[in-house]
Amino acid sequence: MTTPQTNNSPNLDPFYESFKGSFTSCMRWDDLSALWEKLKQRSDLPWYIYAIGETVPDTPSTVDELLLFISEIDTLLHTEHEEDYCGIVYADDKSTPNFIKIYDPNNLGVSCGFSDNPPLPAWILSLIPPKPLEDKSILTQQRKRWWQRLWNK
């Protein structure tokens, strides 16, 4: 897995800088529901939906695409993350989110602990146009079909 290079250059790309920034976890399922509501209230903003390992989007999603994604990812997380807590969705600011990282319940590694090489999130929602993040882990065919089904309606 390769993550964005960081250096002490003041010209670090805004996307990579935000990606490396501070995030707060939605520990409880109620926290996640509240985050989705905040996102829905801000759905008219230019949100980019980026699935790591897929083509980087060059245009923001539509309101309908964002709402569909929220519905589908919420269902996927509740179905596949068999815990009584969430803990796999992180926002830069839960009351006014601008950047959200969503980890795949089937590829968590040590996402919630310390690691020199933590896994990348599976999906990113961002108001900043995304840049490529390379993940050398294998994206399962099931996950690829889920993503393609979502966008090929």
C-alpha atoms as a PDB file:
ATOM      1  CA  MET A   1       0.000   0.000   0.000  1.00  0.00           C
ATOM      2  CA  THR A   2       1.250   3.445  -0.840  1.00  0.00           C
ATOM      3  CA  THR A   3      -0.020   6.552   0.854  1.00  0.00           C
ATOM      4  CA  PRO A   4       0.634  10.108  -0.233  1.00  0.00           C
ATOM      5  CA  GLN A   5       4.154  11.311   0.323  1.00  0.00           C
ATOM      6  CA  THR A   6       4.439  13.883   3.034  1.00  0.00           C
ATOM      7  CA  ASN A   7       7.232  16.348   3.296  1.00  0.00           C
ATOM      8  CA  ASN A   8       7.736  19.654   4.975  1.00  0.00           C
ATOM      9  CA  SER A   9       6.976  21.546   1.792  1.00  0.00           C
ATOM     10  CA  PRO A  10       4.477  24.381   2.179  1.00  0.00           C
ATOM     11  CA  ASN A  11       3.100  23.411  -1.257  1.00  0.00           C
ATOM     12  CA  LEU A  12       1.537  20.118  -0.190  1.00  0.00           C
ATOM     13  CA  ASP A  13      -1.636  19.503  -2.212  1.00  0.00           C
ATOM     14  CA  PRO A  14      -4.838  20.500  -0.320  1.00  0.00           C
ATOM     15  CA  PHE A  15      -6.351  17.029  -0.795  1.00  0.00           C
ATOM     16  CA  TYR A  16      -3.316  15.208   0.617  1.00  0.00           C
ATOM     17  CA  GLU A  17      -2.992  17.764   3.392  1.00  0.00           C
ATOM     18  CA  SER A  18      -6.639  17.233   4.377  1.00  0.00           C
ATOM     19  CA  PHE A  19      -6.255  13.456   4.056  1.00  0.00           C
ATOM     20  CA  LYS A  20      -3.396  13.540   6.579  1.00  0.00           C
ATOM     21  CA  GLY A  21      -5.294  15.934   8.899  1.00  0.00           C
ATOM     22  CA  SER A  22      -7.126  15.323  12.141  1.00  0.00           C
ATOM     23  CA  PHE A  23     -10.266  13.139  12.132  1.00  0.00           C
ATOM     24  CA  THR A  24     -12.850  12.062  14.687  1.00  0.00           C
ATOM     25  CA  SER A  25     -14.498   8.657  14.636  1.00  0.00           C
ATOM     26  CA  CYS A  26     -18.211   8.017  14.598  1.00  0.00           C
ATOM     27  CA  MET A  27     -17.950   5.501  17.420  1.00  0.00           C
ATOM     28  CA  ARG A  28     -21.662   4.788  17.852  1.00  0.00           C
ATOM     29  CA  TRP A  29     -24.189   4.034  15.150  1.00  0.00           C
ATOM     30  CA  ASP A  30     -26.137   7.095  16.336  1.00  0.00           C
ATOM     31  CA  ASP A  31     -23.020   9.202  15.625  1.00  0.00           C
ATOM     32  CA  LEU A  32     -22.991   7.868  12.071  1.00  0.00           C
ATOM     33  CA  SER A  33     -26.695   8.634  11.596  1.00  0.00           C
ATOM     34  CA  ALA A  34     -26.076  12.193  12.822  1.00  0.00           C
ATOM     35  CA  LEU A  35     -23.155  12.567  10.389  1.00  0.00           C
ATOM     36  CA  TRP A  36     -25.336  11.384   7.488  1.00  0.00           C
ATOM     37  CA  GLU A  37     -27.961  13.978   8.468  1.00  0.00           C
ATOM     38  CA  LYS A  38     -25.317  16.743   8.472  1.00  0.00           C
ATOM     39  CA  LEU A  39     -24.147  15.557   5.065  1.00  0.00           C
ATOM     40  CA  LYS A  40     -27.706  15.545   3.707  1.00  0.00           C
ATOM     41  CA  GLN A  41     -28.152  19.114   4.941  1.00  0.00           C
ATOM     42  CA  ARG A  42     -25.045  20.028   2.936  1.00  0.00           C
ATOM     43  CA  SER A  43     -25.841  17.852  -0.105  1.00  0.00           C
ATOM     44  CA  ASP A  44     -25.994  20.875  -2.407  1.00  0.00           C
ATOM     45  CA  LEU A  45     -22.233  21.387  -1.969  1.00  0.00           C
ATOM     46  CA  PRO A  46     -19.772  19.917  -4.504  1.00  0.00           C
ATOM     47  CA  TRP A  47     -19.114  16.532  -2.869  1.00  0.00           C
ATOM     48  CA  TYR A  48     -16.670  14.154  -4.518  1.00  0.00           C
ATOM     49  CA  ILE A  49     -17.197  10.448  -3.900  1.00  0.00           C
ATOM     50  CA  TYR A  50     -13.967   8.540  -4.369  1.00  0.00           C
ATOM     51  CA  ALA A  51     -13.667   4.752  -4.123  1.00  0.00           C
ATOM     52  CA  ILE A  52      -9.996   3.978  -3.560  1.00  0.00           C
ATOM     53  CA  GLY A  53      -8.747   1.730  -6.361  1.00  0.00           C
ATOM     54  CA  GLU A  54     -11.251   3.125  -8.851  1.00  0.00           C
ATOM     55  CA  THR A  55     -10.880   6.106 -11.175  1.00  0.00           C
ATOM     56  CA  VAL A  56     -10.500   9.390  -9.330  1.00  0.00           C
ATOM     57  CA  PRO A  57     -13.647  11.447  -9.988  1.00  0.00           C
ATOM     58  CA  ASP A  58     -13.024  14.707 -11.820  1.00  0.00           C
ATOM     59  CA  THR A  59     -16.470  16.151 -11.158  1.00  0.00           C
ATOM     60  CA  PRO A  60     -18.526  16.352  -7.983  1.00  0.00           C
ATOM     61  CA  SER A  61     -21.464  14.032  -7.488  1.00  0.00           C
ATOM     62  CA  THR A  62     -25.000  15.194  -7.997  1.00  0.00           C
ATOM     63  CA  VAL A  63     -27.295  15.555  -4.990  1.00  0.00           C
ATOM     64  CA  ASP A  64     -29.090  12.347  -6.051  1.00  0.00           C
ATOM     65  CA  GLU A  65     -25.789  10.459  -6.346  1.00  0.00           C
ATOM     66  CA  LEU A  66     -24.696  11.625  -2.905  1.00  0.00           C
ATOM     67  CA  LEU A  67     -28.015  10.644  -1.313  1.00  0.00           C
ATOM     68  CA  LEU A  68     -27.904   7.256  -3.025  1.00  0.00           C
ATOM     69  CA  PHE A  69     -24.339   6.698  -1.826  1.00  0.00           C
ATOM     70  CA  ILE A  70     -25.257   7.620   1.766  1.00  0.00           C
ATOM     71  CA  SER A  71     -28.181   5.186   1.710  1.00  0.00           C
ATOM     72  CA  GLU A  72     -26.194   2.348   0.149  1.00  0.00           C
ATOM     73  CA  ILE A  73     -23.041   2.758   2.255  1.00  0.00           C
ATOM     74  CA  ASP A  74     -25.116   2.987   5.432  1.00  0.00           C
ATOM     75  CA  THR A  75     -26.816  -0.299   4.534  1.00  0.00           C
ATOM     76  CA  LEU A  76     -23.490  -1.924   3.657  1.00  0.00           C
ATOM     77  CA  LEU A  77     -21.843  -0.801   6.914  1.00  0.00           C
ATOM     78  CA  HIS A  78     -24.757  -1.921   9.090  1.00  0.00           C
ATOM     79  CA  THR A  79     -24.904  -5.274   7.285  1.00  0.00           C
ATOM     80  CA  GLU A  80     -21.207  -6.110   7.115  1.00  0.00           C
ATOM     81  CA  HIS A  81     -19.749  -4.477  10.233  1.00  0.00           C
ATOM     82  CA  GLU A  82     -21.011  -6.991  12.768  1.00  0.00           C
ATOM     83  CA  GLU A  83     -20.292  -4.906  15.854  1.00  0.00           C
ATOM     84  CA  ASP A  84     -22.541  -3.014  18.251  1.00  0.00           C
ATOM     85  CA  TYR A  85     -20.515   0.119  17.479  1.00  0.00           C
ATOM     86  CA  CYS A  86     -19.493   1.838  14.249  1.00  0.00           C
ATOM     87  CA  GLY A  87     -15.927   3.148  14.650  1.00  0.00           C
ATOM     88  CA  ILE A  88     -14.993   2.873  10.948  1.00  0.00           C
ATOM     89  CA  VAL A  89     -16.191   6.241   9.645  1.00  0.00           C
ATOM     90  CA  TYR A  90     -14.119   9.327  10.391  1.00  0.00           C
ATOM     91  CA  ALA A  91     -14.885  12.999   9.726  1.00  0.00           C
ATOM     92  CA  ASP A  92     -12.676  16.057   9.888  1.00  0.00           C
ATOM     93  CA  ASP A  93     -15.523  17.840  11.694  1.00  0.00           C
ATOM     94  CA  LYS A  94     -18.690  15.943  12.612  1.00  0.00           C
ATOM     95  CA  SER A  95     -20.816  19.096  12.872  1.00  0.00           C
ATOM     96  CA  THR A  96     -19.625  20.615   9.563  1.00  0.00           C
ATOM     97  CA  PRO A  97     -17.933  17.817   7.635  1.00  0.00           C
ATOM     98  CA  ASN A  98     -15.710  18.613   4.663  1.00  0.00           C
ATOM     99  CA  PHE A  99     -13.764  15.352   4.442  1.00  0.00           C
ATOM    100  CA  ILE A 100     -14.961  11.878   5.448  1.00  0.00           C
ATOM    101  CA  LYS A 101     -13.060   8.585   5.416  1.00  0.00           C
ATOM    102  CA  ILE A 102     -15.019   5.325   5.342  1.00  0.00           C
ATOM    103  CA  TYR A 103     -13.209   2.057   5.991  1.00  0.00           C
ATOM    104  CA  ASP A 104     -14.312  -1.235   4.475  1.00  0.00           C
ATOM    105  CA  PRO A 105     -15.585  -3.566   7.224  1.00  0.00           C
ATOM    106  CA  ASN A 106     -13.899  -6.457   5.376  1.00  0.00           C
ATOM    107  CA  ASN A 107     -10.456  -4.771   5.271  1.00  0.00           C
ATOM    108  CA  LEU A 108      -9.895  -3.056   8.596  1.00  0.00           C
ATOM    109  CA  GLY A 109      -6.368  -4.107   9.489  1.00  0.00           C
ATOM    110  CA  VAL A 110      -5.393  -1.702  12.277  1.00  0.00           C
ATOM    111  CA  SER A 111      -7.399   1.309  11.121  1.00  0.00           C
ATOM    112  CA  CYS A 112      -8.378   2.187  14.656  1.00  0.00           C
ATOM    113  CA  GLY A 113      -4.979   1.668  16.263  1.00  0.00           C
ATOM    114  CA  PHE A 114      -1.448   2.909  15.704  1.00  0.00           C
ATOM    115  CA  SER A 115       0.464   1.630  12.721  1.00  0.00           C
ATOM    116  CA  ASP A 116       3.304   2.857  10.574  1.00  0.00           C
ATOM    117  CA  ASN A 117       1.339   1.614   7.572  1.00  0.00           C
ATOM    118  CA  PRO A 118      -2.405   1.834   8.313  1.00  0.00           C
ATOM    119  CA  PRO A 119      -4.877   0.687   5.663  1.00  0.00           C
ATOM    120  CA  LEU A 120      -6.373   3.285   3.392  1.00  0.00           C
ATOM    121  CA  PRO A 121     -10.072   3.968   3.683  1.00  0.00           C
ATOM    122  CA  ALA A 122     -12.210   2.315   1.030  1.00  0.00           C
ATOM    123  CA  TRP A 123     -14.214   5.470   0.277  1.00  0.00           C
ATOM    124  CA  ILE A 124     -13.687   9.181   0.693  1.00  0.00           C
ATOM    125  CA  LEU A 125     -16.273  11.946   0.593  1.00  0.00           C
ATOM    126  CA  SER A 126     -14.613  15.313   0.105  1.00  0.00           C
ATOM    127  CA  LEU A 127     -15.365  18.879  -0.857  1.00  0.00           C
ATOM    128  CA  ILE A 128     -11.795  19.036  -2.184  1.00  0.00           C
ATOM    129  CA  PRO A 129     -11.198  17.436  -5.586  1.00  0.00           C
ATOM    130  CA  PRO A 130      -9.480  14.121  -4.814  1.00  0.00           C
ATOM    131  CA  LYS A 131      -6.045  13.010  -5.900  1.00  0.00           C
ATOM    132  CA  PRO A 132      -4.996   9.401  -6.449  1.00  0.00           C
ATOM    133  CA  LEU A 133      -4.383   7.196  -3.443  1.00  0.00           C
ATOM    134  CA  GLU A 134      -2.854   3.889  -4.362  1.00  0.00           C
ATOM    135  CA  ASP A 135      -3.918   0.834  -2.457  1.00  0.00           C
ATOM    136  CA  LYS A 136      -2.111  -2.354  -3.356  1.00  0.00           C
ATOM    137  CA  SER A 137      -4.512  -4.550  -1.408  1.00  0.00           C
ATOM    138  CA  ILE A 138      -6.824  -6.589  -3.540  1.00  0.00           C
ATOM    139  CA  LEU A 139     -10.280  -5.138  -4.083  1.00  0.00           C
ATOM    140  CA  THR A 140     -12.644  -8.090  -4.040  1.00  0.00           C
ATOM    141  CA  GLN A 141     -14.917  -8.759  -6.982  1.00  0.00           C
ATOM    142  CA  GLN A 142     -17.905  -8.450  -4.627  1.00  0.00           C
ATOM    143  CA  ARG A 143     -16.841  -4.918  -3.642  1.00  0.00           C
ATOM    144  CA  LYS A 144     -16.158  -3.975  -7.281  1.00  0.00           C
ATOM    145  CA  ARG A 145     -19.639  -5.219  -8.256  1.00  0.00           C
ATOM    146  CA  TRP A 146     -21.187  -3.229  -5.382  1.00  0.00           C
ATOM    147  CA  TRP A 147     -19.490  -0.038  -6.588  1.00  0.00           C
ATOM    148  CA  GLN A 148     -20.345  -0.646 -10.263  1.00  0.00           C
ATOM    149  CA  ARG A 149     -23.975  -1.483  -9.439  1.00  0.00           C
ATOM    150  CA  LEU A 150     -24.249   1.744  -7.482  1.00  0.00           C
ATOM    151  CA  TRP A 151     -23.044   3.943 -10.373  1.00  0.00           C
ATOM    152  CA  ASN A 152     -24.490   2.012 -13.336  1.00  0.00           C
ATOM    153  CA  LYS A 153     -28.155   2.414 -12.467  1.00  0.00           C
END
